[in-house]
Amino acid sequence: MLSSIEELADSVPIPLNVAVQLIPMPSMAALYGFLNKHKEEFPGKYSKSGGPSTAWAGFEQRFLTKSEILKIREMRFHPKEESRFLRAGRPSGRKGIIGSIIRRCEEARGRG
């Protein structure tokens, strides 16, 4: 099993069941939802899988490239400064009770 995505060649197609672990995503459904939401950026690349027998002629399986996986990882994980949850509806500045407590602590620290 691959320990990191850096071991892969650039042109090797990666099936979604492996990509889920390399990104990482919580589930296949989460990866499908992400890819559906970002259709324009990640167009589907499918290939037939399975055997050539008449009983089981195979099925279409979606693949991602190494560059697509790296781009998804970059989109999913933000540095703390750019996090979408950092401000999450909170007012700018330190207002309210918690803000006044923090200001007083910082002022006391500056004096002492």
C-alpha atoms as a PDB file:
ATOM      1  CA  MET A   1       0.000   0.000   0.000  1.00  0.00           C
ATOM      2  CA  LEU A   2       1.144   3.517  -0.677  1.00  0.00           C
ATOM      3  CA  SER A   3       2.402   5.455   2.297  1.00  0.00           C
ATOM      4  CA  SER A   4       2.208   8.820   0.549  1.00  0.00           C
ATOM      5  CA  ILE A   5       1.049  10.391  -2.672  1.00  0.00           C
ATOM      6  CA  GLU A   6       4.613  11.432  -3.555  1.00  0.00           C
ATOM      7  CA  GLU A   7       5.384   7.798  -4.451  1.00  0.00           C
ATOM      8  CA  LEU A   8       2.944   7.921  -7.377  1.00  0.00           C
ATOM      9  CA  ALA A   9       3.840   8.832 -10.939  1.00  0.00           C
ATOM     10  CA  ASP A  10       2.077  11.882 -12.362  1.00  0.00           C
ATOM     11  CA  SER A  11       0.186  10.044 -15.089  1.00  0.00           C
ATOM     12  CA  VAL A  12      -1.048   7.038 -13.077  1.00  0.00           C
ATOM     13  CA  PRO A  13      -4.852   7.056 -12.735  1.00  0.00           C
ATOM     14  CA  ILE A  14      -5.920   6.542  -9.115  1.00  0.00           C
ATOM     15  CA  PRO A  15      -9.284   4.891  -8.368  1.00  0.00           C
ATOM     16  CA  LEU A  16     -11.569   6.731  -5.947  1.00  0.00           C
ATOM     17  CA  ASN A  17     -11.344   4.030  -3.259  1.00  0.00           C
ATOM     18  CA  VAL A  18      -7.593   4.768  -3.022  1.00  0.00           C
ATOM     19  CA  ALA A  19      -8.028   8.530  -3.467  1.00  0.00           C
ATOM     20  CA  VAL A  20     -10.328   8.641  -0.406  1.00  0.00           C
ATOM     21  CA  GLN A  21      -7.409   7.499   1.736  1.00  0.00           C
ATOM     22  CA  LEU A  22      -4.821   9.747   0.071  1.00  0.00           C
ATOM     23  CA  ILE A  23      -6.861  12.976   0.340  1.00  0.00           C
ATOM     24  CA  PRO A  24      -8.177  11.986   3.175  1.00  0.00           C
ATOM     25  CA  MET A  25     -11.958  12.147   3.078  1.00  0.00           C
ATOM     26  CA  PRO A  26     -14.310  10.753   5.738  1.00  0.00           C
ATOM     27  CA  SER A  27     -16.129   8.524   3.220  1.00  0.00           C
ATOM     28  CA  MET A  28     -16.675   7.751  -0.447  1.00  0.00           C
ATOM     29  CA  ALA A  29     -19.967   9.654  -0.267  1.00  0.00           C
ATOM     30  CA  ALA A  30     -18.106  12.747   0.941  1.00  0.00           C
ATOM     31  CA  LEU A  31     -15.660  12.481  -1.978  1.00  0.00           C
ATOM     32  CA  TYR A  32     -18.496  12.004  -4.480  1.00  0.00           C
ATOM     33  CA  GLY A  33     -20.259  15.040  -2.991  1.00  0.00           C
ATOM     34  CA  PHE A  34     -17.092  17.148  -3.209  1.00  0.00           C
ATOM     35  CA  LEU A  35     -16.478  16.117  -6.833  1.00  0.00           C
ATOM     36  CA  ASN A  36     -20.105  16.798  -7.718  1.00  0.00           C
ATOM     37  CA  LYS A  37     -19.906  20.248  -6.140  1.00  0.00           C
ATOM     38  CA  HIS A  38     -16.713  21.047  -8.092  1.00  0.00           C
ATOM     39  CA  LYS A  39     -17.650  19.465 -11.452  1.00  0.00           C
ATOM     40  CA  GLU A  40     -16.017  22.177 -13.535  1.00  0.00           C
ATOM     41  CA  GLU A  41     -12.647  21.817 -11.815  1.00  0.00           C
ATOM     42  CA  PHE A  42     -12.648  18.005 -11.709  1.00  0.00           C
ATOM     43  CA  PRO A  43     -14.315  16.543 -14.809  1.00  0.00           C
ATOM     44  CA  GLY A  44     -14.979  12.813 -14.592  1.00  0.00           C
ATOM     45  CA  LYS A  45     -12.436  10.349 -15.977  1.00  0.00           C
ATOM     46  CA  TYR A  46     -13.901   6.868 -16.208  1.00  0.00           C
ATOM     47  CA  SER A  47     -12.550   3.524 -17.314  1.00  0.00           C
ATOM     48  CA  LYS A  48     -14.023   0.028 -17.567  1.00  0.00           C
ATOM     49  CA  SER A  49     -13.050  -2.295 -14.743  1.00  0.00           C
ATOM     50  CA  GLY A  50     -13.695  -5.981 -14.277  1.00  0.00           C
ATOM     51  CA  GLY A  51     -13.365  -9.029 -16.455  1.00  0.00           C
ATOM     52  CA  PRO A  52     -14.257  -9.556 -20.105  1.00  0.00           C
ATOM     53  CA  SER A  53     -16.668 -12.447 -19.424  1.00  0.00           C
ATOM     54  CA  THR A  54     -20.254 -12.234 -20.621  1.00  0.00           C
ATOM     55  CA  ALA A  55     -21.691 -12.722 -17.119  1.00  0.00           C
ATOM     56  CA  TRP A  56     -19.734  -9.840 -15.632  1.00  0.00           C
ATOM     57  CA  ALA A  57     -18.587  -7.433 -18.300  1.00  0.00           C
ATOM     58  CA  GLY A  58     -17.233  -4.918 -15.804  1.00  0.00           C
ATOM     59  CA  PHE A  59     -18.322  -1.512 -14.630  1.00  0.00           C
ATOM     60  CA  GLU A  60     -17.225   2.056 -15.072  1.00  0.00           C
ATOM     61  CA  GLN A  61     -14.892   3.295 -12.363  1.00  0.00           C
ATOM     62  CA  ARG A  62     -13.907   6.912 -11.816  1.00  0.00           C
ATOM     63  CA  PHE A  63     -10.254   7.875 -11.505  1.00  0.00           C
ATOM     64  CA  LEU A  64      -8.326  10.927 -10.327  1.00  0.00           C
ATOM     65  CA  THR A  65      -4.808  12.011 -11.238  1.00  0.00           C
ATOM     66  CA  LYS A  66      -2.072  12.864  -8.758  1.00  0.00           C
ATOM     67  CA  SER A  67      -2.409  16.589  -9.525  1.00  0.00           C
ATOM     68  CA  GLU A  68      -6.180  16.454  -8.919  1.00  0.00           C
ATOM     69  CA  ILE A  69      -5.678  14.736  -5.566  1.00  0.00           C
ATOM     70  CA  LEU A  70      -3.123  17.355  -4.528  1.00  0.00           C
ATOM     71  CA  LYS A  71      -5.489  20.138  -5.583  1.00  0.00           C
ATOM     72  CA  ILE A  72      -8.373  18.609  -3.585  1.00  0.00           C
ATOM     73  CA  ARG A  73      -6.119  18.293  -0.531  1.00  0.00           C
ATOM     74  CA  GLU A  74      -5.143  21.941  -0.899  1.00  0.00           C
ATOM     75  CA  MET A  75      -8.790  22.991  -1.179  1.00  0.00           C
ATOM     76  CA  ARG A  76      -9.840  20.922   1.846  1.00  0.00           C
ATOM     77  CA  PHE A  77      -7.091  21.874   4.280  1.00  0.00           C
ATOM     78  CA  HIS A  78      -6.600  25.563   4.958  1.00  0.00           C
ATOM     79  CA  PRO A  79      -3.788  27.084   6.991  1.00  0.00           C
ATOM     80  CA  LYS A  80      -5.054  28.534  10.262  1.00  0.00           C
ATOM     81  CA  GLU A  81      -4.878  32.113   8.922  1.00  0.00           C
ATOM     82  CA  GLU A  82      -7.079  31.217   5.943  1.00  0.00           C
ATOM     83  CA  SER A  83      -9.458  28.884   7.734  1.00  0.00           C
ATOM     84  CA  ARG A  84     -13.107  29.321   6.860  1.00  0.00           C
ATOM     85  CA  PHE A  85     -13.948  28.627  10.512  1.00  0.00           C
ATOM     86  CA  LEU A  86     -11.568  31.214  11.969  1.00  0.00           C
ATOM     87  CA  ARG A  87     -14.105  34.055  11.923  1.00  0.00           C
ATOM     88  CA  ALA A  88     -17.271  31.987  11.270  1.00  0.00           C
ATOM     89  CA  GLY A  89     -19.834  34.728  11.814  1.00  0.00           C
ATOM     90  CA  ARG A  90     -18.024  36.315  14.709  1.00  0.00           C
ATOM     91  CA  PRO A  91     -17.827  40.107  14.760  1.00  0.00           C
ATOM     92  CA  SER A  92     -14.471  41.676  14.048  1.00  0.00           C
ATOM     93  CA  GLY A  93     -12.502  42.975  16.977  1.00  0.00           C
ATOM     94  CA  ARG A  94     -12.850  42.014  20.601  1.00  0.00           C
ATOM     95  CA  LYS A  95     -16.270  43.046  21.718  1.00  0.00           C
ATOM     96  CA  GLY A  96     -18.428  41.810  24.517  1.00  0.00           C
ATOM     97  CA  ILE A  97     -17.587  40.196  27.818  1.00  0.00           C
ATOM     98  CA  ILE A  98     -14.915  37.818  26.527  1.00  0.00           C
ATOM     99  CA  GLY A  99     -13.234  40.613  24.587  1.00  0.00           C
ATOM    100  CA  SER A 100     -13.089  42.846  27.659  1.00  0.00           C
ATOM    101  CA  ILE A 101     -11.600  40.003  29.733  1.00  0.00           C
ATOM    102  CA  ILE A 102      -8.931  39.385  27.089  1.00  0.00           C
ATOM    103  CA  ARG A 103      -8.132  43.124  26.853  1.00  0.00           C
ATOM    104  CA  ARG A 104      -7.765  43.383  30.626  1.00  0.00           C
ATOM    105  CA  CYS A 105      -5.465  40.353  30.705  1.00  0.00           C
ATOM    106  CA  GLU A 106      -3.310  41.786  27.929  1.00  0.00           C
ATOM    107  CA  GLU A 107      -3.161  45.173  29.661  1.00  0.00           C
ATOM    108  CA  ALA A 108      -2.199  43.541  32.966  1.00  0.00           C
ATOM    109  CA  ARG A 109       0.472  41.496  31.208  1.00  0.00           C
ATOM    110  CA  GLY A 110       1.858  44.670  29.583  1.00  0.00           C
ATOM    111  CA  ARG A 111       2.075  46.512  32.899  1.00  0.00           C
ATOM    112  CA  GLY A 112       3.723  43.694  34.857  1.00  0.00           C
END
